[in-house]
Amino acid sequence: MSGFSGKHYKSLDAKGRLIVPAPFREILSSSHSSKLIITNEVLDKCLCAYPVNEWQGLIEKVNGLPQTNDAVKYFMRRVIGSANECEIDRQGRVLIAPALRTDAGLNSEAVILGLGNRIEIWDKNELDEVADPQKIDQQAYKEEFTSLGL
């Protein structure tokens, strides 16, 4: 499976359904899946959507961690505890659960980002706030990117 990439602007309908971008649906269909696992992102105010196989890998990884660790418990409560399996309908839409829409502050305008093995779903205004290059310490990020080889 090739990775998800790109930025797509979509609107949620009155029922909370969101159109999955066509390139993302093509990637999912190449792996014979029409389902996404949609959950809270662990630290940011957005949602993450995982193909089923990626989600299963994440679950296995988390299950191998110390279950009494506070960070692991937080991760399990925030991410695994809020996960919903969502079927992509014939119109290419997924229904995002009301609790997840509330957690992410999703209103009508959403931005869908492809991040390789997963998808992020943001409220447009929230993403504009956190992705603004003027609101970060650019020098510190440059140093961090360099240390990471990026």
C-alpha atoms as a PDB file:
ATOM      1  CA  MET A   1       0.000   0.000   0.000  1.00  0.00           C
ATOM      2  CA  SER A   2       1.395   3.407  -0.923  1.00  0.00           C
ATOM      3  CA  GLY A   3       1.034   6.129   1.653  1.00  0.00           C
ATOM      4  CA  PHE A   4      -1.578   8.801   2.113  1.00  0.00           C
ATOM      5  CA  SER A   5      -0.497  12.323   1.190  1.00  0.00           C
ATOM      6  CA  GLY A   6      -2.016  15.669   0.392  1.00  0.00           C
ATOM      7  CA  LYS A   7      -4.330  18.258   1.907  1.00  0.00           C
ATOM      8  CA  HIS A   8      -8.035  18.145   1.102  1.00  0.00           C
ATOM      9  CA  TYR A   9     -10.764  20.581   2.134  1.00  0.00           C
ATOM     10  CA  LYS A  10     -14.152  18.962   2.707  1.00  0.00           C
ATOM     11  CA  SER A  11     -17.414  19.830   4.423  1.00  0.00           C
ATOM     12  CA  LEU A  12     -19.230  17.691   6.927  1.00  0.00           C
ATOM     13  CA  ASP A  13     -22.882  17.221   6.128  1.00  0.00           C
ATOM     14  CA  ALA A  14     -25.683  17.719   8.660  1.00  0.00           C
ATOM     15  CA  LYS A  15     -25.396  14.076   9.786  1.00  0.00           C
ATOM     16  CA  GLY A  16     -21.631  14.330  10.424  1.00  0.00           C
ATOM     17  CA  ARG A  17     -20.546  12.486   7.298  1.00  0.00           C
ATOM     18  CA  LEU A  18     -17.313  13.408   5.586  1.00  0.00           C
ATOM     19  CA  ILE A  19     -16.227  12.509   2.055  1.00  0.00           C
ATOM     20  CA  VAL A  20     -12.974  10.561   2.035  1.00  0.00           C
ATOM     21  CA  PRO A  21     -10.812  12.018  -0.758  1.00  0.00           C
ATOM     22  CA  ALA A  22     -10.750   9.840  -3.883  1.00  0.00           C
ATOM     23  CA  PRO A  23      -6.958   9.218  -3.757  1.00  0.00           C
ATOM     24  CA  PHE A  24      -7.340   7.909  -0.202  1.00  0.00           C
ATOM     25  CA  ARG A  25     -10.215   5.637  -1.218  1.00  0.00           C
ATOM     26  CA  GLU A  26      -8.055   4.252  -4.028  1.00  0.00           C
ATOM     27  CA  ILE A  27      -5.282   3.407  -1.555  1.00  0.00           C
ATOM     28  CA  LEU A  28      -7.764   1.694   0.744  1.00  0.00           C
ATOM     29  CA  SER A  29      -9.389  -0.259  -2.088  1.00  0.00           C
ATOM     30  CA  SER A  30      -5.966  -1.485  -3.230  1.00  0.00           C
ATOM     31  CA  SER A  31      -5.687  -3.146   0.178  1.00  0.00           C
ATOM     32  CA  HIS A  32      -9.250  -4.508  -0.204  1.00  0.00           C
ATOM     33  CA  SER A  33     -10.642  -2.401   2.623  1.00  0.00           C
ATOM     34  CA  SER A  34     -13.534  -0.004   2.821  1.00  0.00           C
ATOM     35  CA  LYS A  35     -13.104   0.687   6.522  1.00  0.00           C
ATOM     36  CA  LEU A  36     -11.206   3.218   8.580  1.00  0.00           C
ATOM     37  CA  ILE A  37     -10.641   3.310  12.308  1.00  0.00           C
ATOM     38  CA  ILE A  38     -11.281   6.905  13.392  1.00  0.00           C
ATOM     39  CA  THR A  39     -10.111   8.082  16.789  1.00  0.00           C
ATOM     40  CA  ASN A  40      -8.726  11.029  18.717  1.00  0.00           C
ATOM     41  CA  GLU A  41      -5.153  12.084  18.088  1.00  0.00           C
ATOM     42  CA  VAL A  42      -3.208  11.599  21.309  1.00  0.00           C
ATOM     43  CA  LEU A  43      -2.069  15.219  21.856  1.00  0.00           C
ATOM     44  CA  ASP A  44      -3.584  17.436  19.170  1.00  0.00           C
ATOM     45  CA  LYS A  45      -7.205  18.537  18.855  1.00  0.00           C
ATOM     46  CA  CYS A  46      -7.895  16.525  15.721  1.00  0.00           C
ATOM     47  CA  LEU A  47      -8.857  13.022  14.648  1.00  0.00           C
ATOM     48  CA  CYS A  48      -6.731  10.247  13.171  1.00  0.00           C
ATOM     49  CA  ALA A  49      -8.029   7.695  10.712  1.00  0.00           C
ATOM     50  CA  TYR A  50      -6.155   4.445  10.243  1.00  0.00           C
ATOM     51  CA  PRO A  51      -6.580   1.657   7.721  1.00  0.00           C
ATOM     52  CA  VAL A  52      -7.533  -1.509   9.601  1.00  0.00           C
ATOM     53  CA  ASN A  53      -4.109  -3.148   9.133  1.00  0.00           C
ATOM     54  CA  GLU A  54      -2.273  -0.069  10.497  1.00  0.00           C
ATOM     55  CA  TRP A  55      -4.656   0.066  13.442  1.00  0.00           C
ATOM     56  CA  GLN A  56      -4.071  -3.603  14.240  1.00  0.00           C
ATOM     57  CA  GLY A  57      -0.313  -2.965  14.245  1.00  0.00           C
ATOM     58  CA  LEU A  58      -0.762  -0.039  16.633  1.00  0.00           C
ATOM     59  CA  ILE A  59      -2.929  -2.137  18.968  1.00  0.00           C
ATOM     60  CA  GLU A  60      -0.306  -4.895  19.046  1.00  0.00           C
ATOM     61  CA  LYS A  61       2.393  -2.346  19.855  1.00  0.00           C
ATOM     62  CA  VAL A  62       0.366  -0.782  22.673  1.00  0.00           C
ATOM     63  CA  ASN A  63      -0.541  -4.184  24.109  1.00  0.00           C
ATOM     64  CA  GLY A  64       3.176  -4.910  24.423  1.00  0.00           C
ATOM     65  CA  LEU A  65       3.770  -1.818  26.571  1.00  0.00           C
ATOM     66  CA  PRO A  66       3.566  -1.685  30.382  1.00  0.00           C
ATOM     67  CA  GLN A  67      -0.142  -1.254  31.089  1.00  0.00           C
ATOM     68  CA  THR A  68       0.532   0.494  34.428  1.00  0.00           C
ATOM     69  CA  ASN A  69       2.558   3.299  32.812  1.00  0.00           C
ATOM     70  CA  ASP A  70       0.634   6.582  33.086  1.00  0.00           C
ATOM     71  CA  ALA A  71       1.459   7.678  29.526  1.00  0.00           C
ATOM     72  CA  VAL A  72       0.325   4.308  28.174  1.00  0.00           C
ATOM     73  CA  LYS A  73      -2.908   4.518  30.165  1.00  0.00           C
ATOM     74  CA  TYR A  74      -3.519   8.031  28.826  1.00  0.00           C
ATOM     75  CA  PHE A  75      -2.851   6.831  25.270  1.00  0.00           C
ATOM     76  CA  MET A  76      -5.225   3.904  25.692  1.00  0.00           C
ATOM     77  CA  ARG A  77      -7.979   6.079  27.132  1.00  0.00           C
ATOM     78  CA  ARG A  78      -7.577   8.931  24.643  1.00  0.00           C
ATOM     79  CA  VAL A  79      -6.879   6.968  21.457  1.00  0.00           C
ATOM     80  CA  ILE A  80      -7.996   3.362  21.786  1.00  0.00           C
ATOM     81  CA  GLY A  81     -10.972   4.146  24.016  1.00  0.00           C
ATOM     82  CA  SER A  82     -12.425   6.596  21.510  1.00  0.00           C
ATOM     83  CA  ALA A  83     -11.858   4.528  18.354  1.00  0.00           C
ATOM     84  CA  ASN A  84     -14.726   3.781  15.989  1.00  0.00           C
ATOM     85  CA  GLU A  85     -14.679   1.460  13.005  1.00  0.00           C
ATOM     86  CA  CYS A  86     -16.213   3.376  10.113  1.00  0.00           C
ATOM     87  CA  GLU A  87     -17.387   1.918   6.822  1.00  0.00           C
ATOM     88  CA  ILE A  88     -16.949   4.062   3.725  1.00  0.00           C
ATOM     89  CA  ASP A  89     -20.351   4.191   2.025  1.00  0.00           C
ATOM     90  CA  ARG A  90     -21.038   4.045  -1.727  1.00  0.00           C
ATOM     91  CA  GLN A  91     -20.779   7.832  -1.966  1.00  0.00           C
ATOM     92  CA  GLY A  92     -17.298   7.719  -0.419  1.00  0.00           C
ATOM     93  CA  ARG A  93     -18.372   9.102   2.953  1.00  0.00           C
ATOM     94  CA  VAL A  94     -17.665   8.077   6.532  1.00  0.00           C
ATOM     95  CA  LEU A  95     -19.894   8.917   9.467  1.00  0.00           C
ATOM     96  CA  ILE A  96     -17.873  10.523  12.245  1.00  0.00           C
ATOM     97  CA  ALA A  97     -19.343   9.805  15.660  1.00  0.00           C
ATOM     98  CA  PRO A  98     -20.757  12.849  17.486  1.00  0.00           C
ATOM     99  CA  ALA A  99     -18.361  12.397  20.438  1.00  0.00           C
ATOM    100  CA  LEU A 100     -15.359  12.465  18.088  1.00  0.00           C
ATOM    101  CA  ARG A 101     -16.674  15.539  16.279  1.00  0.00           C
ATOM    102  CA  THR A 102     -17.013  17.259  19.645  1.00  0.00           C
ATOM    103  CA  ASP A 103     -13.546  16.191  20.831  1.00  0.00           C
ATOM    104  CA  ALA A 104     -11.928  17.557  17.658  1.00  0.00           C
ATOM    105  CA  GLY A 105     -14.111  20.668  17.482  1.00  0.00           C
ATOM    106  CA  LEU A 106     -15.239  19.672  13.997  1.00  0.00           C
ATOM    107  CA  ASN A 107     -17.876  21.944  12.590  1.00  0.00           C
ATOM    108  CA  SER A 108     -18.703  22.191   8.915  1.00  0.00           C
ATOM    109  CA  GLU A 109     -15.262  22.886   7.372  1.00  0.00           C
ATOM    110  CA  ALA A 110     -12.700  20.119   7.682  1.00  0.00           C
ATOM    111  CA  VAL A 111      -9.200  19.594   6.388  1.00  0.00           C
ATOM    112  CA  ILE A 112      -8.051  16.060   5.665  1.00  0.00           C
ATOM    113  CA  LEU A 113      -4.296  15.485   5.668  1.00  0.00           C
ATOM    114  CA  GLY A 114      -2.547  12.380   4.370  1.00  0.00           C
ATOM    115  CA  LEU A 115       0.393  11.526   6.629  1.00  0.00           C
ATOM    116  CA  GLY A 116       1.780   8.344   5.129  1.00  0.00           C
ATOM    117  CA  ASN A 117       0.283   5.514   7.175  1.00  0.00           C
ATOM    118  CA  ARG A 118      -2.618   7.516   8.609  1.00  0.00           C
ATOM    119  CA  ILE A 119      -4.965  10.416   7.941  1.00  0.00           C
ATOM    120  CA  GLU A 120      -5.592  13.424  10.159  1.00  0.00           C
ATOM    121  CA  ILE A 121      -8.956  15.207  10.178  1.00  0.00           C
ATOM    122  CA  TRP A 122      -8.914  18.787  11.447  1.00  0.00           C
ATOM    123  CA  ASP A 123     -11.358  21.605  11.909  1.00  0.00           C
ATOM    124  CA  LYS A 124     -10.066  24.170   9.400  1.00  0.00           C
ATOM    125  CA  ASN A 125      -9.702  26.951  11.971  1.00  0.00           C
ATOM    126  CA  GLU A 126      -7.877  24.684  14.441  1.00  0.00           C
ATOM    127  CA  LEU A 127      -5.394  23.539  11.797  1.00  0.00           C
ATOM    128  CA  ASP A 128      -4.791  27.134  10.704  1.00  0.00           C
ATOM    129  CA  GLU A 129      -3.783  27.901  14.300  1.00  0.00           C
ATOM    130  CA  VAL A 130      -1.354  25.011  14.818  1.00  0.00           C
ATOM    131  CA  ALA A 131       0.147  24.909  11.311  1.00  0.00           C
ATOM    132  CA  ASP A 132       0.976  28.605  11.044  1.00  0.00           C
ATOM    133  CA  PRO A 133       4.761  28.882  10.478  1.00  0.00           C
ATOM    134  CA  GLN A 134       4.717  32.258  12.222  1.00  0.00           C
ATOM    135  CA  LYS A 135       3.573  30.644  15.485  1.00  0.00           C
ATOM    136  CA  ILE A 136       6.463  28.248  15.970  1.00  0.00           C
ATOM    137  CA  ASP A 137      10.075  28.663  17.023  1.00  0.00           C
ATOM    138  CA  GLN A 138      11.452  28.235  13.515  1.00  0.00           C
ATOM    139  CA  GLN A 139      15.095  28.101  14.584  1.00  0.00           C
ATOM    140  CA  ALA A 140      14.407  25.362  17.134  1.00  0.00           C
ATOM    141  CA  TYR A 141      12.462  23.399  14.516  1.00  0.00           C
ATOM    142  CA  LYS A 142      15.263  23.788  11.967  1.00  0.00           C
ATOM    143  CA  GLU A 143      17.727  22.394  14.505  1.00  0.00           C
ATOM    144  CA  GLU A 144      15.387  19.519  15.332  1.00  0.00           C
ATOM    145  CA  PHE A 145      14.819  18.741  11.650  1.00  0.00           C
ATOM    146  CA  THR A 146      18.573  18.696  11.095  1.00  0.00           C
ATOM    147  CA  SER A 147      19.101  16.346  14.055  1.00  0.00           C
ATOM    148  CA  LEU A 148      16.440  14.041  12.625  1.00  0.00           C
ATOM    149  CA  GLY A 149      17.992  14.109   9.168  1.00  0.00           C
ATOM    150  CA  LEU A 150      15.093  15.938   7.538  1.00  0.00           C
END
